[in-house]
Amino acid sequence: VVPCEVAVPAAPSRVQRESLVGLRPVD
């Protein structure tokens, strides 16, 4: 989950990330 206009609630199947900046394969 990389929110844009609205917040996205946490859930067991979700991993939150502030933005896609610097995303690597290991991430």
mmCIF file of all heavy atoms, coordinates in Angstrom:
data_MODEL
# 
_entry.id   MODEL 
# 
loop_
_atom_site.group_PDB 
_atom_site.id 
_atom_site.type_symbol 
_atom_site.label_atom_id 
_atom_site.label_alt_id 
_atom_site.label_comp_id 
_atom_site.label_asym_id 
_atom_site.label_entity_id 
_atom_site.label_seq_id 
_atom_site.pdbx_PDB_ins_code 
_atom_site.Cartn_x 
_atom_site.Cartn_y 
_atom_site.Cartn_z 
_atom_site.occupancy 
_atom_site.B_iso_or_equiv 
_atom_site.pdbx_formal_charge 
_atom_site.auth_seq_id 
_atom_site.auth_comp_id 
_atom_site.auth_asym_id 
_atom_site.auth_atom_id 
_atom_site.pdbx_PDB_model_num 
ATOM 1   N N   . VAL A 1 1  ? 0.837  -1.194 0.000  1.00 0.00 ? 1  VAL A N   1 
ATOM 2   C CA  . VAL A 1 1  ? 0.000  0.000  0.000  1.00 0.00 ? 1  VAL A CA  1 
ATOM 3   C C   . VAL A 1 1  ? 0.875  1.248  0.000  1.00 0.00 ? 1  VAL A C   1 
ATOM 4   O O   . VAL A 1 1  ? 1.712  1.431  0.875  1.00 0.00 ? 1  VAL A O   1 
ATOM 5   C CB  . VAL A 1 1  ? -0.922 0.011  1.231  1.00 0.00 ? 1  VAL A CB  1 
ATOM 6   C CG1 . VAL A 1 1  ? -1.710 1.316  1.291  1.00 0.00 ? 1  VAL A CG1 1 
ATOM 7   C CG2 . VAL A 1 1  ? -1.864 -1.186 1.203  1.00 0.00 ? 1  VAL A CG2 1 
ATOM 8   N N   . VAL A 1 2  ? 0.660  2.093  -1.012 1.00 0.00 ? 2  VAL A N   1 
ATOM 9   C CA  . VAL A 1 2  ? 1.354  3.377  -1.117 1.00 0.00 ? 2  VAL A CA  1 
ATOM 10  C C   . VAL A 1 2  ? 0.266  4.442  -1.262 1.00 0.00 ? 2  VAL A C   1 
ATOM 11  O O   . VAL A 1 2  ? -0.147 4.777  -2.366 1.00 0.00 ? 2  VAL A O   1 
ATOM 12  C CB  . VAL A 1 2  ? 2.317  3.406  -2.317 1.00 0.00 ? 2  VAL A CB  1 
ATOM 13  C CG1 . VAL A 1 2  ? 3.131  4.697  -2.315 1.00 0.00 ? 2  VAL A CG1 1 
ATOM 14  C CG2 . VAL A 1 2  ? 3.242  2.200  -2.309 1.00 0.00 ? 2  VAL A CG2 1 
ATOM 15  N N   . PRO A 1 3  ? -0.244 4.969  -0.150 1.00 0.00 ? 3  PRO A N   1 
ATOM 16  C CA  . PRO A 1 3  ? -1.405 5.868  -0.208 1.00 0.00 ? 3  PRO A CA  1 
ATOM 17  C C   . PRO A 1 3  ? -1.138 7.124  -1.027 1.00 0.00 ? 3  PRO A C   1 
ATOM 18  O O   . PRO A 1 3  ? -0.016 7.619  -1.101 1.00 0.00 ? 3  PRO A O   1 
ATOM 19  C CB  . PRO A 1 3  ? -1.650 6.220  1.267  1.00 0.00 ? 3  PRO A CB  1 
ATOM 20  C CG  . PRO A 1 3  ? -0.992 5.126  2.038  1.00 0.00 ? 3  PRO A CG  1 
ATOM 21  C CD  . PRO A 1 3  ? 0.203  4.737  1.226  1.00 0.00 ? 3  PRO A CD  1 
ATOM 22  N N   . CYS A 1 4  ? -2.218 7.619  -1.624 1.00 0.00 ? 4  CYS A N   1 
ATOM 23  C CA  . CYS A 1 4  ? -2.134 8.854  -2.408 1.00 0.00 ? 4  CYS A CA  1 
ATOM 24  C C   . CYS A 1 4  ? -3.093 9.893  -1.847 1.00 0.00 ? 4  CYS A C   1 
ATOM 25  O O   . CYS A 1 4  ? -2.702 10.757 -1.079 1.00 0.00 ? 4  CYS A O   1 
ATOM 26  C CB  . CYS A 1 4  ? -2.438 8.572  -3.880 1.00 0.00 ? 4  CYS A CB  1 
ATOM 27  S SG  . CYS A 1 4  ? -2.411 10.032 -4.951 1.00 0.00 ? 4  CYS A SG  1 
ATOM 28  N N   . GLU A 1 5  ? -4.366 9.804  -2.195 1.00 0.00 ? 5  GLU A N   1 
ATOM 29  C CA  . GLU A 1 5  ? -5.348 10.807 -1.790 1.00 0.00 ? 5  GLU A CA  1 
ATOM 30  C C   . GLU A 1 5  ? -5.972 10.519 -0.428 1.00 0.00 ? 5  GLU A C   1 
ATOM 31  O O   . GLU A 1 5  ? -6.375 11.440 0.279  1.00 0.00 ? 5  GLU A O   1 
ATOM 32  C CB  . GLU A 1 5  ? -6.456 10.908 -2.853 1.00 0.00 ? 5  GLU A CB  1 
ATOM 33  C CG  . GLU A 1 5  ? -5.972 11.355 -4.222 1.00 0.00 ? 5  GLU A CG  1 
ATOM 34  C CD  . GLU A 1 5  ? -5.538 12.810 -4.239 1.00 0.00 ? 5  GLU A CD  1 
ATOM 35  O OE1 . GLU A 1 5  ? -6.056 13.593 -3.426 1.00 0.00 ? 5  GLU A OE1 1 
ATOM 36  O OE2 . GLU A 1 5  ? -4.668 13.151 -5.071 1.00 0.00 ? 5  GLU A OE2 1 
ATOM 37  N N   . VAL A 1 6  ? -6.121 9.239  -0.084 1.00 0.00 ? 6  VAL A N   1 
ATOM 38  C CA  . VAL A 1 6  ? -6.782 8.867  1.167  1.00 0.00 ? 6  VAL A CA  1 
ATOM 39  C C   . VAL A 1 6  ? -5.957 7.816  1.898  1.00 0.00 ? 6  VAL A C   1 
ATOM 40  O O   . VAL A 1 6  ? -5.193 7.064  1.286  1.00 0.00 ? 6  VAL A O   1 
ATOM 41  C CB  . VAL A 1 6  ? -8.204 8.322  0.910  1.00 0.00 ? 6  VAL A CB  1 
ATOM 42  C CG1 . VAL A 1 6  ? -9.095 9.408  0.337  1.00 0.00 ? 6  VAL A CG1 1 
ATOM 43  C CG2 . VAL A 1 6  ? -8.176 7.121  -0.021 1.00 0.00 ? 6  VAL A CG2 1 
ATOM 44  N N   . ALA A 1 7  ? -6.113 7.772  3.212  1.00 0.00 ? 7  ALA A N   1 
ATOM 45  C CA  . ALA A 1 7  ? -5.421 6.774  4.022  1.00 0.00 ? 7  ALA A CA  1 
ATOM 46  C C   . ALA A 1 7  ? -6.017 5.395  3.755  1.00 0.00 ? 7  ALA A C   1 
ATOM 47  O O   . ALA A 1 7  ? -7.205 5.256  3.463  1.00 0.00 ? 7  ALA A O   1 
ATOM 48  C CB  . ALA A 1 7  ? -5.535 7.122  5.495  1.00 0.00 ? 7  ALA A CB  1 
ATOM 49  N N   . VAL A 1 8  ? -5.179 4.381  3.853  1.00 0.00 ? 8  VAL A N   1 
ATOM 50  C CA  . VAL A 1 8  ? -5.616 2.999  3.672  1.00 0.00 ? 8  VAL A CA  1 
ATOM 51  C C   . VAL A 1 8  ? -5.391 2.265  4.985  1.00 0.00 ? 8  VAL A C   1 
ATOM 52  O O   . VAL A 1 8  ? -4.251 2.185  5.456  1.00 0.00 ? 8  VAL A O   1 
ATOM 53  C CB  . VAL A 1 8  ? -4.839 2.309  2.537  1.00 0.00 ? 8  VAL A CB  1 
ATOM 54  C CG1 . VAL A 1 8  ? -5.321 0.874  2.359  1.00 0.00 ? 8  VAL A CG1 1 
ATOM 55  C CG2 . VAL A 1 8  ? -4.987 3.089  1.233  1.00 0.00 ? 8  VAL A CG2 1 
ATOM 56  N N   . PRO A 1 9  ? -6.441 1.736  5.599  1.00 0.00 ? 9  PRO A N   1 
ATOM 57  C CA  . PRO A 1 9  ? -6.285 1.060  6.892  1.00 0.00 ? 9  PRO A CA  1 
ATOM 58  C C   . PRO A 1 9  ? -5.335 -0.123 6.808  1.00 0.00 ? 9  PRO A C   1 
ATOM 59  O O   . PRO A 1 9  ? -5.210 -0.776 5.772  1.00 0.00 ? 9  PRO A O   1 
ATOM 60  C CB  . PRO A 1 9  ? -7.708 0.601  7.225  1.00 0.00 ? 9  PRO A CB  1 
ATOM 61  C CG  . PRO A 1 9  ? -8.604 1.460  6.394  1.00 0.00 ? 9  PRO A CG  1 
ATOM 62  C CD  . PRO A 1 9  ? -7.843 1.760  5.141  1.00 0.00 ? 9  PRO A CD  1 
ATOM 63  N N   . ALA A 1 10 ? -4.672 -0.397 7.921  1.00 0.00 ? 10 ALA A N   1 
ATOM 64  C CA  . ALA A 1 10 ? -3.789 -1.561 8.003  1.00 0.00 ? 10 ALA A CA  1 
ATOM 65  C C   . ALA A 1 10 ? -4.623 -2.836 8.006  1.00 0.00 ? 10 ALA A C   1 
ATOM 66  O O   . ALA A 1 10 ? -5.781 -2.846 8.411  1.00 0.00 ? 10 ALA A O   1 
ATOM 67  C CB  . ALA A 1 10 ? -2.940 -1.487 9.265  1.00 0.00 ? 10 ALA A CB  1 
ATOM 68  N N   . ALA A 1 11 ? -4.024 -3.922 7.515  1.00 0.00 ? 11 ALA A N   1 
ATOM 69  C CA  . ALA A 1 11 ? -4.672 -5.231 7.500  1.00 0.00 ? 11 ALA A CA  1 
ATOM 70  C C   . ALA A 1 11 ? -3.578 -6.285 7.402  1.00 0.00 ? 11 ALA A C   1 
ATOM 71  O O   . ALA A 1 11 ? -2.457 -5.992 6.950  1.00 0.00 ? 11 ALA A O   1 
ATOM 72  C CB  . ALA A 1 11 ? -5.645 -5.351 6.332  1.00 0.00 ? 11 ALA A CB  1 
ATOM 73  N N   . PRO A 1 12 ? -3.855 -7.520 7.812  1.00 0.00 ? 12 PRO A N   1 
ATOM 74  C CA  . PRO A 1 12 ? -2.825 -8.569 7.807  1.00 0.00 ? 12 PRO A CA  1 
ATOM 75  C C   . PRO A 1 12 ? -2.187 -8.818 6.447  1.00 0.00 ? 12 PRO A C   1 
ATOM 76  O O   . PRO A 1 12 ? -1.007 -9.186 6.364  1.00 0.00 ? 12 PRO A O   1 
ATOM 77  C CB  . PRO A 1 12 ? -3.592 -9.808 8.293  1.00 0.00 ? 12 PRO A CB  1 
ATOM 78  C CG  . PRO A 1 12 ? -4.694 -9.260 9.122  1.00 0.00 ? 12 PRO A CG  1 
ATOM 79  C CD  . PRO A 1 12 ? -5.106 -7.990 8.438  1.00 0.00 ? 12 PRO A CD  1 
ATOM 80  N N   . SER A 1 13 ? -2.947 -8.615 5.362  1.00 0.00 ? 13 SER A N   1 
ATOM 81  C CA  . SER A 1 13 ? -2.399 -8.887 4.028  1.00 0.00 ? 13 SER A CA  1 
ATOM 82  C C   . SER A 1 13 ? -1.760 -7.666 3.395  1.00 0.00 ? 13 SER A C   1 
ATOM 83  O O   . SER A 1 13 ? -1.347 -7.715 2.238  1.00 0.00 ? 13 SER A O   1 
ATOM 84  C CB  . SER A 1 13 ? -3.517 -9.394 3.106  1.00 0.00 ? 13 SER A CB  1 
ATOM 85  O OG  . SER A 1 13 ? -4.528 -8.407 2.974  1.00 0.00 ? 13 SER A OG  1 
ATOM 86  N N   . ARG A 1 14 ? -1.649 -6.554 4.148  1.00 0.00 ? 14 ARG A N   1 
ATOM 87  C CA  . ARG A 1 14 ? -1.143 -5.302 3.601  1.00 0.00 ? 14 ARG A CA  1 
ATOM 88  C C   . ARG A 1 14 ? 0.167  -4.891 4.268  1.00 0.00 ? 14 ARG A C   1 
ATOM 89  O O   . ARG A 1 14 ? 0.326  -5.013 5.471  1.00 0.00 ? 14 ARG A O   1 
ATOM 90  C CB  . ARG A 1 14 ? -2.167 -4.182 3.803  1.00 0.00 ? 14 ARG A CB  1 
ATOM 91  C CG  . ARG A 1 14 ? -3.512 -4.472 3.193  1.00 0.00 ? 14 ARG A CG  1 
ATOM 92  C CD  . ARG A 1 14 ? -4.538 -3.404 3.554  1.00 0.00 ? 14 ARG A CD  1 
ATOM 93  N NE  . ARG A 1 14 ? -5.867 -3.770 3.058  1.00 0.00 ? 14 ARG A NE  1 
ATOM 94  C CZ  . ARG A 1 14 ? -6.968 -3.081 3.306  1.00 0.00 ? 14 ARG A CZ  1 
ATOM 95  N NH1 . ARG A 1 14 ? -6.905 -1.974 4.034  1.00 0.00 ? 14 ARG A NH1 1 
ATOM 96  N NH2 . ARG A 1 14 ? -8.131 -3.492 2.822  1.00 0.00 ? 14 ARG A NH2 1 
ATOM 97  N N   . VAL A 1 15 ? 1.079  -4.364 3.441  1.00 0.00 ? 15 VAL A N   1 
ATOM 98  C CA  . VAL A 1 15 ? 2.329  -3.778 3.926  1.00 0.00 ? 15 VAL A CA  1 
ATOM 99  C C   . VAL A 1 15 ? 2.327  -2.325 3.476  1.00 0.00 ? 15 VAL A C   1 
ATOM 100 O O   . VAL A 1 15 ? 2.139  -2.035 2.296  1.00 0.00 ? 15 VAL A O   1 
ATOM 101 C CB  . VAL A 1 15 ? 3.557  -4.514 3.359  1.00 0.00 ? 15 VAL A CB  1 
ATOM 102 C CG1 . VAL A 1 15 ? 4.837  -3.830 3.808  1.00 0.00 ? 15 VAL A CG1 1 
ATOM 103 C CG2 . VAL A 1 15 ? 3.544  -5.975 3.796  1.00 0.00 ? 15 VAL A CG2 1 
ATOM 104 N N   . GLN A 1 16 ? 2.508  -1.419 4.409  1.00 0.00 ? 16 GLN A N   1 
ATOM 105 C CA  . GLN A 1 16 ? 2.433  0.010  4.114  1.00 0.00 ? 16 GLN A CA  1 
ATOM 106 C C   . GLN A 1 16 ? 3.818  0.551  3.731  1.00 0.00 ? 16 GLN A C   1 
ATOM 107 O O   . GLN A 1 16 ? 4.827  0.167  4.316  1.00 0.00 ? 16 GLN A O   1 
ATOM 108 C CB  . GLN A 1 16 ? 1.923  0.775  5.339  1.00 0.00 ? 16 GLN A CB  1 
ATOM 109 C CG  . GLN A 1 16 ? 0.535  0.354  5.803  1.00 0.00 ? 16 GLN A CG  1 
ATOM 110 C CD  . GLN A 1 16 ? -0.575 1.100  5.107  1.00 0.00 ? 16 GLN A CD  1 
ATOM 111 O OE1 . GLN A 1 16 ? -0.350 2.127  4.458  1.00 0.00 ? 16 GLN A OE1 1 
ATOM 112 N NE2 . GLN A 1 16 ? -1.798 0.605  5.232  1.00 0.00 ? 16 GLN A NE2 1 
ATOM 113 N N   . ARG A 1 17 ? 3.818  1.456  2.746  1.00 0.00 ? 17 ARG A N   1 
ATOM 114 C CA  . ARG A 1 17 ? 5.049  2.137  2.344  1.00 0.00 ? 17 ARG A CA  1 
ATOM 115 C C   . ARG A 1 17 ? 4.683  3.578  2.016  1.00 0.00 ? 17 ARG A C   1 
ATOM 116 O O   . ARG A 1 17 ? 3.671  3.832  1.354  1.00 0.00 ? 17 ARG A O   1 
ATOM 117 C CB  . ARG A 1 17 ? 5.678  1.453  1.129  1.00 0.00 ? 17 ARG A CB  1 
ATOM 118 C CG  . ARG A 1 17 ? 7.034  2.036  0.721  1.00 0.00 ? 17 ARG A CG  1 
ATOM 119 C CD  . ARG A 1 17 ? 7.617  1.304  -0.492 1.00 0.00 ? 17 ARG A CD  1 
ATOM 120 N NE  . ARG A 1 17 ? 8.819  1.943  -0.974 1.00 0.00 ? 17 ARG A NE  1 
ATOM 121 C CZ  . ARG A 1 17 ? 10.042 1.636  -0.578 1.00 0.00 ? 17 ARG A CZ  1 
ATOM 122 N NH1 . ARG A 1 17 ? 10.212 0.668  0.310  1.00 0.00 ? 17 ARG A NH1 1 
ATOM 123 N NH2 . ARG A 1 17 ? 11.093 2.277  -1.058 1.00 0.00 ? 17 ARG A NH2 1 
ATOM 124 N N   . GLU A 1 18 ? 5.499  4.511  2.455  1.00 0.00 ? 18 GLU A N   1 
ATOM 125 C CA  . GLU A 1 18 ? 5.180  5.925  2.286  1.00 0.00 ? 18 GLU A CA  1 
ATOM 126 C C   . GLU A 1 18 ? 5.151  6.340  0.827  1.00 0.00 ? 18 GLU A C   1 
ATOM 127 O O   . GLU A 1 18 ? 4.297  7.122  0.402  1.00 0.00 ? 18 GLU A O   1 
ATOM 128 C CB  . GLU A 1 18 ? 6.181  6.786  3.059  1.00 0.00 ? 18 GLU A CB  1 
ATOM 129 C CG  . GLU A 1 18 ? 5.858  8.266  3.032  1.00 0.00 ? 18 GLU A CG  1 
ATOM 130 C CD  . GLU A 1 18 ? 6.791  9.082  3.899  1.00 0.00 ? 18 GLU A CD  1 
ATOM 131 O OE1 . GLU A 1 18 ? 7.412  8.503  4.820  1.00 0.00 ? 18 GLU A OE1 1 
ATOM 132 O OE2 . GLU A 1 18 ? 6.912  10.295 3.660  1.00 0.00 ? 18 GLU A OE2 1 
ATOM 133 N N   . SER A 1 19 ? 6.090  5.850  0.025  1.00 0.00 ? 19 SER A N   1 
ATOM 134 C CA  . SER A 1 19 ? 6.121  6.169  -1.402 1.00 0.00 ? 19 SER A CA  1 
ATOM 135 C C   . SER A 1 19 ? 6.907  5.082  -2.128 1.00 0.00 ? 19 SER A C   1 
ATOM 136 O O   . SER A 1 19 ? 7.487  4.183  -1.509 1.00 0.00 ? 19 SER A O   1 
ATOM 137 C CB  . SER A 1 19 ? 6.763  7.538  -1.643 1.00 0.00 ? 19 SER A CB  1 
ATOM 138 O OG  . SER A 1 19 ? 8.176  7.446  -1.619 1.00 0.00 ? 19 SER A OG  1 
ATOM 139 N N   . LEU A 1 20 ? 6.931  5.186  -3.453 1.00 0.00 ? 20 LEU A N   1 
ATOM 140 C CA  . LEU A 1 20 ? 7.699  4.240  -4.268 1.00 0.00 ? 20 LEU A CA  1 
ATOM 141 C C   . LEU A 1 20 ? 9.137  4.691  -4.478 1.00 0.00 ? 20 LEU A C   1 
ATOM 142 O O   . LEU A 1 20 ? 9.918  3.985  -5.121 1.00 0.00 ? 20 LEU A O   1 
ATOM 143 C CB  . LEU A 1 20 ? 7.010  4.055  -5.622 1.00 0.00 ? 20 LEU A CB  1 
ATOM 144 C CG  . LEU A 1 20 ? 5.682  3.297  -5.589 1.00 0.00 ? 20 LEU A CG  1 
ATOM 145 C CD1 . LEU A 1 20 ? 4.988  3.389  -6.946 1.00 0.00 ? 20 LEU A CD1 1 
ATOM 146 C CD2 . LEU A 1 20 ? 5.893  1.837  -5.191 1.00 0.00 ? 20 LEU A CD2 1 
ATOM 147 N N   . VAL A 1 21 ? 9.497  5.826  -3.939 1.00 0.00 ? 21 VAL A N   1 
ATOM 148 C CA  . VAL A 1 21 ? 10.864 6.338  -4.074 1.00 0.00 ? 21 VAL A CA  1 
ATOM 149 C C   . VAL A 1 21 ? 11.845 5.350  -3.457 1.00 0.00 ? 21 VAL A C   1 
ATOM 150 O O   . VAL A 1 21 ? 11.690 4.931  -2.309 1.00 0.00 ? 21 VAL A O   1 
ATOM 151 C CB  . VAL A 1 21 ? 11.003 7.716  -3.417 1.00 0.00 ? 21 VAL A CB  1 
ATOM 152 C CG1 . VAL A 1 21 ? 12.463 8.161  -3.421 1.00 0.00 ? 21 VAL A CG1 1 
ATOM 153 C CG2 . VAL A 1 21 ? 10.130 8.749  -4.110 1.00 0.00 ? 21 VAL A CG2 1 
ATOM 154 N N   . GLY A 1 22 ? 12.841 4.961  -4.241 1.00 0.00 ? 22 GLY A N   1 
ATOM 155 C CA  . GLY A 1 22 ? 13.890 4.078  -3.733 1.00 0.00 ? 22 GLY A CA  1 
ATOM 156 C C   . GLY A 1 22 ? 13.492 2.623  -3.619 1.00 0.00 ? 22 GLY A C   1 
ATOM 157 O O   . GLY A 1 22 ? 14.236 1.831  -3.012 1.00 0.00 ? 22 GLY A O   1 
ATOM 158 N N   . LEU A 1 23 ? 12.358 2.230  -4.178 1.00 0.00 ? 23 LEU A N   1 
ATOM 159 C CA  . LEU A 1 23 ? 11.944 0.827  -4.100 1.00 0.00 ? 23 LEU A CA  1 
ATOM 160 C C   . LEU A 1 23 ? 12.974 -0.069 -4.777 1.00 0.00 ? 23 LEU A C   1 
ATOM 161 O O   . LEU A 1 23 ? 13.366 0.161  -5.917 1.00 0.00 ? 23 LEU A O   1 
ATOM 162 C CB  . LEU A 1 23 ? 10.584 0.636  -4.775 1.00 0.00 ? 23 LEU A CB  1 
ATOM 163 C CG  . LEU A 1 23 ? 9.997  -0.785 -4.670 1.00 0.00 ? 23 LEU A CG  1 
ATOM 164 C CD1 . LEU A 1 23 ? 9.444  -1.023 -3.268 1.00 0.00 ? 23 LEU A CD1 1 
ATOM 165 C CD2 . LEU A 1 23 ? 8.906  -0.996 -5.719 1.00 0.00 ? 23 LEU A CD2 1 
ATOM 166 N N   . ARG A 1 24 ? 13.401 -1.133 -4.075 1.00 0.00 ? 24 ARG A N   1 
ATOM 167 C CA  . ARG A 1 24 ? 14.384 -2.080 -4.591 1.00 0.00 ? 24 ARG A CA  1 
ATOM 168 C C   . ARG A 1 24 ? 13.768 -3.478 -4.646 1.00 0.00 ? 24 ARG A C   1 
ATOM 169 O O   . ARG A 1 24 ? 12.780 -3.746 -3.952 1.00 0.00 ? 24 ARG A O   1 
ATOM 170 C CB  . ARG A 1 24 ? 15.608 -2.125 -3.685 1.00 0.00 ? 24 ARG A CB  1 
ATOM 171 C CG  . ARG A 1 24 ? 16.311 -0.791 -3.475 1.00 0.00 ? 24 ARG A CG  1 
ATOM 172 C CD  . ARG A 1 24 ? 17.265 -0.889 -2.285 1.00 0.00 ? 24 ARG A CD  1 
ATOM 173 N NE  . ARG A 1 24 ? 16.531 -1.168 -1.056 1.00 0.00 ? 24 ARG A NE  1 
ATOM 174 C CZ  . ARG A 1 24 ? 17.108 -1.566 0.086  1.00 0.00 ? 24 ARG A CZ  1 
ATOM 175 N NH1 . ARG A 1 24 ? 18.413 -1.736 0.143  1.00 0.00 ? 24 ARG A NH1 1 
ATOM 176 N NH2 . ARG A 1 24 ? 16.363 -1.793 1.161  1.00 0.00 ? 24 ARG A NH2 1 
ATOM 177 N N   . PRO A 1 25 ? 14.335 -4.386 -5.431 1.00 0.00 ? 25 PRO A N   1 
ATOM 178 C CA  . PRO A 1 25 ? 13.818 -5.758 -5.447 1.00 0.00 ? 25 PRO A CA  1 
ATOM 179 C C   . PRO A 1 25 ? 13.754 -6.377 -4.060 1.00 0.00 ? 25 PRO A C   1 
ATOM 180 O O   . PRO A 1 25 ? 12.798 -7.089 -3.743 1.00 0.00 ? 25 PRO A O   1 
ATOM 181 C CB  . PRO A 1 25 ? 14.825 -6.490 -6.350 1.00 0.00 ? 25 PRO A CB  1 
ATOM 182 C CG  . PRO A 1 25 ? 15.302 -5.441 -7.292 1.00 0.00 ? 25 PRO A CG  1 
ATOM 183 C CD  . PRO A 1 25 ? 15.392 -4.189 -6.467 1.00 0.00 ? 25 PRO A CD  1 
ATOM 184 N N   . VAL A 1 26 ? 14.742 -6.086 -3.213 1.00 0.00 ? 26 VAL A N   1 
ATOM 185 C CA  . VAL A 1 26 ? 14.725 -6.645 -1.864 1.00 0.00 ? 26 VAL A CA  1 
ATOM 186 C C   . VAL A 1 26 ? 13.541 -6.120 -1.063 1.00 0.00 ? 26 VAL A C   1 
ATOM 187 O O   . VAL A 1 26 ? 12.996 -6.816 -0.197 1.00 0.00 ? 26 VAL A O   1 
ATOM 188 C CB  . VAL A 1 26 ? 16.058 -6.356 -1.132 1.00 0.00 ? 26 VAL A CB  1 
ATOM 189 C CG1 . VAL A 1 26 ? 16.227 -4.865 -0.844 1.00 0.00 ? 26 VAL A CG1 1 
ATOM 190 C CG2 . VAL A 1 26 ? 16.152 -7.170 0.151  1.00 0.00 ? 26 VAL A CG2 1 
ATOM 191 N N   . ASP A 1 27 ? 13.102 -4.894 -1.348 1.00 0.00 ? 27 ASP A N   1 
ATOM 192 C CA  . ASP A 1 27 ? 11.932 -4.344 -0.664 1.00 0.00 ? 27 ASP A CA  1 
ATOM 193 C C   . ASP A 1 27 ? 10.659 -5.070 -1.095 1.00 0.00 ? 27 ASP A C   1 
ATOM 194 O O   . ASP A 1 27 ? 9.756  -5.291 -0.282 1.00 0.00 ? 27 ASP A O   1 
ATOM 195 C CB  . ASP A 1 27 ? 11.791 -2.850 -0.965 1.00 0.00 ? 27 ASP A CB  1 
ATOM 196 C CG  . ASP A 1 27 ? 12.988 -2.045 -0.501 1.00 0.00 ? 27 ASP A CG  1 
ATOM 197 O OD1 . ASP A 1 27 ? 13.500 -2.317 0.598  1.00 0.00 ? 27 ASP A OD1 1 
ATOM 198 O OD2 . ASP A 1 27 ? 13.413 -1.142 -1.256 1.00 0.00 ? 27 ASP A OD2 1 
# 
